[in-house]
Amino acid sequence: MKKTNVIYSAAILLVTSCVLALTQVSCAYNELEVPKKPPVAYCDSIDATYSGKVQGIIASECAYSGCHEAGFGNGDFTTYNNLSTKLNNGTFNSRVFGSETMPPSGFSNPENKNILKCWYDNGALNN
């Protein structure tokens, strides 16, 4: 009878240990998961693709003669590849949407800033 109690106790200990171990692993896994960024609500009615609108806005508001064109010291925005450096290091976000407002004279059409913000907030893809 003692042998049965020992086996029964060992089985309970094993099951309890497994349950605890699985709980710890699942909790650790959840902490490591990167949550998906939900779509930005204000973008529902804005077509914010690079080739659709953003490229034209960049060309007219940023990459014109004397500013963010080829050879410009603070960044050439004439292509997505050149612009992506500023997107990745955060300077595009801070300069366009932060305290150092670009363009200095403001956007010719205020909606252009909303389109850029929507595009940026949704990953600033080359789409």
C-alpha atoms as a PDB file:
ATOM      1  CA  MET A   1       0.000   0.000   0.000  1.00  0.00           C
ATOM      2  CA  LYS A   2       2.908   2.367   0.699  1.00  0.00           C
ATOM      3  CA  LYS A   3       4.275   1.748  -2.786  1.00  0.00           C
ATOM      4  CA  THR A   4       0.925   2.816  -4.337  1.00  0.00           C
ATOM      5  CA  ASN A   5       0.861   6.035  -2.295  1.00  0.00           C
ATOM      6  CA  VAL A   6       4.411   6.871  -3.376  1.00  0.00           C
ATOM      7  CA  ILE A   7       3.543   6.281  -7.047  1.00  0.00           C
ATOM      8  CA  TYR A   8       0.332   8.303  -6.677  1.00  0.00           C
ATOM      9  CA  SER A   9       2.211  11.176  -4.984  1.00  0.00           C
ATOM     10  CA  ALA A  10       4.920  11.103  -7.643  1.00  0.00           C
ATOM     11  CA  ALA A  11       2.300  11.215 -10.411  1.00  0.00           C
ATOM     12  CA  ILE A  12       0.576  14.218  -8.815  1.00  0.00           C
ATOM     13  CA  LEU A  13       3.921  15.966  -8.386  1.00  0.00           C
ATOM     14  CA  LEU A  14       4.831  15.274 -12.033  1.00  0.00           C
ATOM     15  CA  VAL A  15       1.488  16.553 -13.369  1.00  0.00           C
ATOM     16  CA  THR A  16       1.642  19.657 -11.165  1.00  0.00           C
ATOM     17  CA  SER A  17       5.210  20.361 -12.293  1.00  0.00           C
ATOM     18  CA  CYS A  18       4.229  20.007 -15.952  1.00  0.00           C
ATOM     19  CA  VAL A  19       1.260  22.354 -15.556  1.00  0.00           C
ATOM     20  CA  LEU A  20       3.420  24.948 -13.807  1.00  0.00           C
ATOM     21  CA  ALA A  21       6.165  24.632 -16.423  1.00  0.00           C
ATOM     22  CA  LEU A  22       3.678  25.078 -19.280  1.00  0.00           C
ATOM     23  CA  THR A  23       2.165  28.091 -17.556  1.00  0.00           C
ATOM     24  CA  GLN A  24       5.574  29.726 -17.229  1.00  0.00           C
ATOM     25  CA  VAL A  25       6.507  28.998 -20.843  1.00  0.00           C
ATOM     26  CA  SER A  26       3.225  30.334 -22.178  1.00  0.00           C
ATOM     27  CA  CYS A  27       3.572  33.515 -20.097  1.00  0.00           C
ATOM     28  CA  ALA A  28       7.118  34.069 -21.302  1.00  0.00           C
ATOM     29  CA  TYR A  29       6.006  33.515 -24.889  1.00  0.00           C
ATOM     30  CA  ASN A  30       3.248  36.099 -24.568  1.00  0.00           C
ATOM     31  CA  GLU A  31       5.710  38.677 -23.267  1.00  0.00           C
ATOM     32  CA  LEU A  32       7.956  38.138 -26.279  1.00  0.00           C
ATOM     33  CA  GLU A  33       5.161  38.458 -28.819  1.00  0.00           C
ATOM     34  CA  VAL A  34       5.194  41.766 -30.631  1.00  0.00           C
ATOM     35  CA  PRO A  35       1.640  43.037 -30.817  1.00  0.00           C
ATOM     36  CA  LYS A  36       0.428  43.951 -34.274  1.00  0.00           C
ATOM     37  CA  LYS A  37      -0.092  47.638 -34.764  1.00  0.00           C
ATOM     38  CA  PRO A  38      -3.789  48.275 -35.313  1.00  0.00           C
ATOM     39  CA  PRO A  39      -4.712  50.341 -38.366  1.00  0.00           C
ATOM     40  CA  VAL A  40      -4.813  54.027 -37.620  1.00  0.00           C
ATOM     41  CA  ALA A  41      -8.482  55.063 -37.411  1.00  0.00           C
ATOM     42  CA  TYR A  42      -8.127  58.488 -39.014  1.00  0.00           C
ATOM     43  CA  CYS A  43      -6.645  56.844 -42.097  1.00  0.00           C
ATOM     44  CA  ASP A  44      -9.857  55.061 -43.053  1.00  0.00           C
ATOM     45  CA  SER A  45     -10.743  57.594 -45.734  1.00  0.00           C
ATOM     46  CA  ILE A  46      -7.196  58.512 -46.812  1.00  0.00           C
ATOM     47  CA  ASP A  47      -5.391  56.874 -49.731  1.00  0.00           C
ATOM     48  CA  ALA A  48      -1.905  56.896 -48.264  1.00  0.00           C
ATOM     49  CA  THR A  49       0.283  54.881 -50.614  1.00  0.00           C
ATOM     50  CA  TYR A  50       3.733  56.039 -51.629  1.00  0.00           C
ATOM     51  CA  SER A  51       3.137  55.797 -55.372  1.00  0.00           C
ATOM     52  CA  GLY A  52      -0.491  56.961 -55.131  1.00  0.00           C
ATOM     53  CA  LYS A  53      -0.088  60.269 -53.295  1.00  0.00           C
ATOM     54  CA  VAL A  54       2.956  60.444 -51.046  1.00  0.00           C
ATOM     55  CA  GLN A  55       5.540  60.579 -53.825  1.00  0.00           C
ATOM     56  CA  GLY A  56       3.774  63.573 -55.393  1.00  0.00           C
ATOM     57  CA  ILE A  57       3.494  65.363 -52.036  1.00  0.00           C
ATOM     58  CA  ILE A  58       7.189  64.775 -51.321  1.00  0.00           C
ATOM     59  CA  ALA A  59       8.087  66.087 -54.794  1.00  0.00           C
ATOM     60  CA  SER A  60       6.009  69.254 -54.441  1.00  0.00           C
ATOM     61  CA  GLU A  61       6.509  70.017 -50.733  1.00  0.00           C
ATOM     62  CA  CYS A  62      10.037  68.710 -50.025  1.00  0.00           C
ATOM     63  CA  ALA A  63      12.112  67.658 -53.044  1.00  0.00           C
ATOM     64  CA  TYR A  64      11.922  70.789 -55.160  1.00  0.00           C
ATOM     65  CA  SER A  65      14.770  72.974 -56.415  1.00  0.00           C
ATOM     66  CA  GLY A  66      16.984  74.031 -53.521  1.00  0.00           C
ATOM     67  CA  CYS A  67      15.507  71.653 -50.981  1.00  0.00           C
ATOM     68  CA  HIS A  68      15.791  67.843 -50.500  1.00  0.00           C
ATOM     69  CA  GLU A  69      16.789  67.263 -54.105  1.00  0.00           C
ATOM     70  CA  ALA A  70      19.751  65.302 -55.462  1.00  0.00           C
ATOM     71  CA  GLY A  71      22.934  66.622 -53.864  1.00  0.00           C
ATOM     72  CA  PHE A  72      21.148  68.387 -51.002  1.00  0.00           C
ATOM     73  CA  GLY A  73      23.167  68.026 -47.789  1.00  0.00           C
ATOM     74  CA  ASN A  74      20.231  67.255 -45.484  1.00  0.00           C
ATOM     75  CA  GLY A  75      18.834  64.456 -47.585  1.00  0.00           C
ATOM     76  CA  ASP A  76      17.742  63.686 -51.101  1.00  0.00           C
ATOM     77  CA  PHE A  77      14.028  62.820 -51.107  1.00  0.00           C
ATOM     78  CA  THR A  78      13.686  62.331 -54.852  1.00  0.00           C
ATOM     79  CA  THR A  79      13.467  58.538 -54.437  1.00  0.00           C
ATOM     80  CA  TYR A  80      11.999  56.253 -51.804  1.00  0.00           C
ATOM     81  CA  ASN A  81      15.410  54.632 -51.203  1.00  0.00           C
ATOM     82  CA  ASN A  82      16.953  57.995 -50.349  1.00  0.00           C
ATOM     83  CA  LEU A  83      13.978  58.980 -48.183  1.00  0.00           C
ATOM     84  CA  SER A  84      14.010  55.645 -46.326  1.00  0.00           C
ATOM     85  CA  THR A  85      17.165  56.616 -44.404  1.00  0.00           C
ATOM     86  CA  LYS A  86      15.296  59.535 -42.809  1.00  0.00           C
ATOM     87  CA  LEU A  87      12.234  57.339 -42.241  1.00  0.00           C
ATOM     88  CA  ASN A  88      14.276  54.668 -40.465  1.00  0.00           C
ATOM     89  CA  ASN A  89      16.306  56.964 -38.227  1.00  0.00           C
ATOM     90  CA  GLY A  90      13.257  58.962 -37.074  1.00  0.00           C
ATOM     91  CA  THR A  91      14.243  62.335 -38.475  1.00  0.00           C
ATOM     92  CA  PHE A  92      11.393  62.378 -40.997  1.00  0.00           C
ATOM     93  CA  ASN A  93       8.887  61.921 -38.161  1.00  0.00           C
ATOM     94  CA  SER A  94      10.454  64.520 -35.870  1.00  0.00           C
ATOM     95  CA  ARG A  95      10.953  67.124 -38.592  1.00  0.00           C
ATOM     96  CA  VAL A  96       7.608  66.776 -40.367  1.00  0.00           C
ATOM     97  CA  PHE A  97       5.342  66.015 -37.398  1.00  0.00           C
ATOM     98  CA  GLY A  98       7.417  67.211 -34.440  1.00  0.00           C
ATOM     99  CA  SER A  99       8.500  70.567 -33.139  1.00  0.00           C
ATOM    100  CA  GLU A 100      10.817  71.373 -36.069  1.00  0.00           C
ATOM    101  CA  THR A 101       8.093  71.688 -38.663  1.00  0.00           C
ATOM    102  CA  MET A 102       8.959  70.937 -42.250  1.00  0.00           C
ATOM    103  CA  PRO A 103       8.415  72.374 -44.689  1.00  0.00           C
ATOM    104  CA  PRO A 104       9.322  75.688 -43.001  1.00  0.00           C
ATOM    105  CA  SER A 105       6.545  77.598 -44.757  1.00  0.00           C
ATOM    106  CA  GLY A 106       3.982  74.905 -43.981  1.00  0.00           C
ATOM    107  CA  PHE A 107       2.175  72.611 -46.381  1.00  0.00           C
ATOM    108  CA  SER A 108       0.528  74.207 -49.402  1.00  0.00           C
ATOM    109  CA  ASN A 109      -2.481  71.974 -48.707  1.00  0.00           C
ATOM    110  CA  PRO A 110      -3.045  71.014 -45.030  1.00  0.00           C
ATOM    111  CA  GLU A 111      -4.477  67.651 -46.150  1.00  0.00           C
ATOM    112  CA  ASN A 112      -1.014  66.730 -47.462  1.00  0.00           C
ATOM    113  CA  LYS A 113       0.314  66.560 -43.909  1.00  0.00           C
ATOM    114  CA  ASN A 114      -2.551  64.208 -42.945  1.00  0.00           C
ATOM    115  CA  ILE A 115      -1.764  61.955 -45.902  1.00  0.00           C
ATOM    116  CA  LEU A 116       1.929  61.836 -44.951  1.00  0.00           C
ATOM    117  CA  LYS A 117       1.050  61.140 -41.294  1.00  0.00           C
ATOM    118  CA  CYS A 118      -1.303  58.332 -42.231  1.00  0.00           C
ATOM    119  CA  TRP A 119       1.301  56.798 -44.555  1.00  0.00           C
ATOM    120  CA  TYR A 120       4.036  57.127 -41.925  1.00  0.00           C
ATOM    121  CA  ASP A 121       1.893  55.741 -39.085  1.00  0.00           C
ATOM    122  CA  ASN A 122       1.043  52.696 -41.201  1.00  0.00           C
ATOM    123  CA  GLY A 123       4.661  51.754 -41.834  1.00  0.00           C
ATOM    124  CA  ALA A 124       5.773  54.233 -44.537  1.00  0.00           C
ATOM    125  CA  LEU A 125       5.821  51.442 -47.113  1.00  0.00           C
ATOM    126  CA  ASN A 126       7.122  51.732 -50.659  1.00  0.00           C
ATOM    127  CA  ASN A 127       3.722  50.799 -52.100  1.00  0.00           C
END
